[in-house]
Amino acid sequence: MKIEKKEVEHIARLARLKLNEEEKERFGRQLGQILKYIEKLNELNTEGVEPALHIVPLQNIMRKDEVKDSLPVKDALANAPATKGKYFKVPRIIE
């Protein structure tokens, strides 16, 4: 499948990438090869095949939550660039 230069430029703009002409050509060829391979995969008969997230069964191993004393406020704020009372002071982001 042929990817047009215009499409590569659009994808690069969405990804905030600056590409030179040689990169646009190369990436266009590579994207075309990827899409051609995907078309080939779409020809496979997958009827009756269950979707799988992993090829090996996985199980989360979680530790039990334990209630512990929290970090003292003084220690938590020790390396903060700015504080106000017992809170971190940050720049206002909502006007």
Protein backbone atom coordinates (compact mmCIF):
# COMPACT_ATOMS: atom_id res chain seq x y z
CA MET A 1 0.00 0.00 0.00
CA LYS A 2 1.38 3.40 -0.96
CA ILE A 3 1.36 6.16 1.63
CA GLU A 4 1.35 9.62 0.08
CA LYS A 5 3.81 12.28 1.22
CA LYS A 6 0.85 14.43 2.29
CA GLU A 7 -0.29 11.67 4.69
CA VAL A 8 3.20 11.31 6.16
CA GLU A 9 3.33 15.08 6.72
CA HIS A 10 -0.07 14.97 8.43
CA ILE A 11 1.01 12.12 10.74
CA ALA A 12 4.28 13.93 11.51
CA ARG A 13 2.38 17.12 12.37
CA LEU A 14 0.07 15.18 14.73
CA ALA A 15 3.13 13.64 16.40
CA ARG A 16 4.85 17.05 16.54
CA LEU A 17 7.76 15.76 14.42
CA LYS A 18 9.84 17.73 11.96
CA LEU A 19 10.91 15.50 9.10
CA ASN A 20 13.21 16.30 6.22
CA GLU A 21 12.38 15.12 2.69
CA GLU A 22 14.45 11.93 2.94
CA GLU A 23 12.73 10.97 6.23
CA LYS A 24 9.30 11.61 4.71
CA GLU A 25 10.09 9.25 1.85
CA ARG A 26 11.57 6.59 4.15
CA PHE A 27 8.72 6.74 6.66
CA GLY A 28 6.19 6.67 3.83
CA ARG A 29 7.73 3.42 2.54
CA GLN A 30 7.89 1.93 6.04
CA LEU A 31 4.28 2.84 6.87
CA GLY A 32 3.22 1.35 3.55
CA GLN A 33 5.00 -1.91 4.39
CA ILE A 34 3.34 -2.00 7.81
CA LEU A 35 -0.13 -1.49 6.31
CA LYS A 36 0.57 -4.15 3.66
CA TYR A 37 1.48 -6.62 6.43
CA ILE A 38 -1.69 -5.74 8.36
CA GLU A 39 -3.74 -6.42 5.23
CA LYS A 40 -2.06 -9.82 5.01
CA LEU A 41 -2.91 -10.53 8.68
CA ASN A 42 -6.54 -9.57 8.04
CA GLU A 43 -6.76 -12.47 5.56
CA LEU A 44 -6.29 -15.01 8.38
CA ASN A 45 -9.31 -16.97 9.51
CA THR A 46 -9.70 -16.18 13.20
CA GLU A 47 -13.20 -17.53 13.67
CA GLY A 48 -13.45 -19.39 16.95
CA VAL A 49 -10.16 -17.97 18.25
CA GLU A 50 -10.58 -16.34 21.63
CA PRO A 51 -8.91 -12.95 22.08
CA ALA A 52 -5.88 -13.12 24.35
CA LEU A 53 -4.16 -10.33 26.23
CA HIS A 54 -1.18 -12.54 27.09
CA ILE A 55 0.06 -15.84 25.78
CA VAL A 56 0.80 -16.99 29.31
CA PRO A 57 -1.78 -16.87 32.10
CA LEU A 58 -0.88 -14.07 34.51
CA GLN A 59 -1.93 -13.40 38.05
CA ASN A 60 -1.32 -10.23 40.04
CA ILE A 61 0.69 -10.77 43.17
CA MET A 62 -0.29 -8.05 45.56
CA ARG A 63 0.74 -7.52 49.11
CA LYS A 64 -1.85 -6.86 51.78
CA ASP A 65 -2.49 -3.23 52.61
CA GLU A 66 -1.15 -2.36 56.01
CA VAL A 67 -2.06 0.73 57.97
CA LYS A 68 1.10 2.62 58.91
CA ASP A 69 1.90 6.05 60.24
CA SER A 70 2.23 8.61 57.47
CA LEU A 71 5.24 10.81 56.83
CA PRO A 72 5.37 13.80 59.21
CA VAL A 73 4.34 17.06 57.50
CA LYS A 74 7.69 18.66 58.35
CA ASP A 75 9.58 15.85 56.57
CA ALA A 76 7.19 15.85 53.59
CA LEU A 77 7.70 19.59 53.05
CA ALA A 78 11.44 19.60 53.76
CA ASN A 79 12.54 19.71 50.08
CA ALA A 80 9.57 21.66 48.71
CA PRO A 81 10.57 24.81 46.80
CA ALA A 82 7.69 26.73 48.40
CA THR A 83 5.25 26.07 51.21
CA LYS A 84 2.33 27.85 52.85
CA GLY A 85 1.65 26.62 56.34
CA LYS A 86 1.48 22.84 56.15
CA TYR A 87 0.84 22.71 52.39
CA PHE A 88 2.90 22.74 49.18
CA LYS A 89 2.65 26.10 47.42
CA VAL A 90 2.28 25.78 43.65
CA PRO A 91 1.63 28.28 40.85
CA ARG A 92 -2.00 29.01 40.10
CA ILE A 93 -3.13 27.24 36.92
CA ILE A 94 -6.82 28.17 36.84
CA GLU A 95 -7.82 31.77 36.39
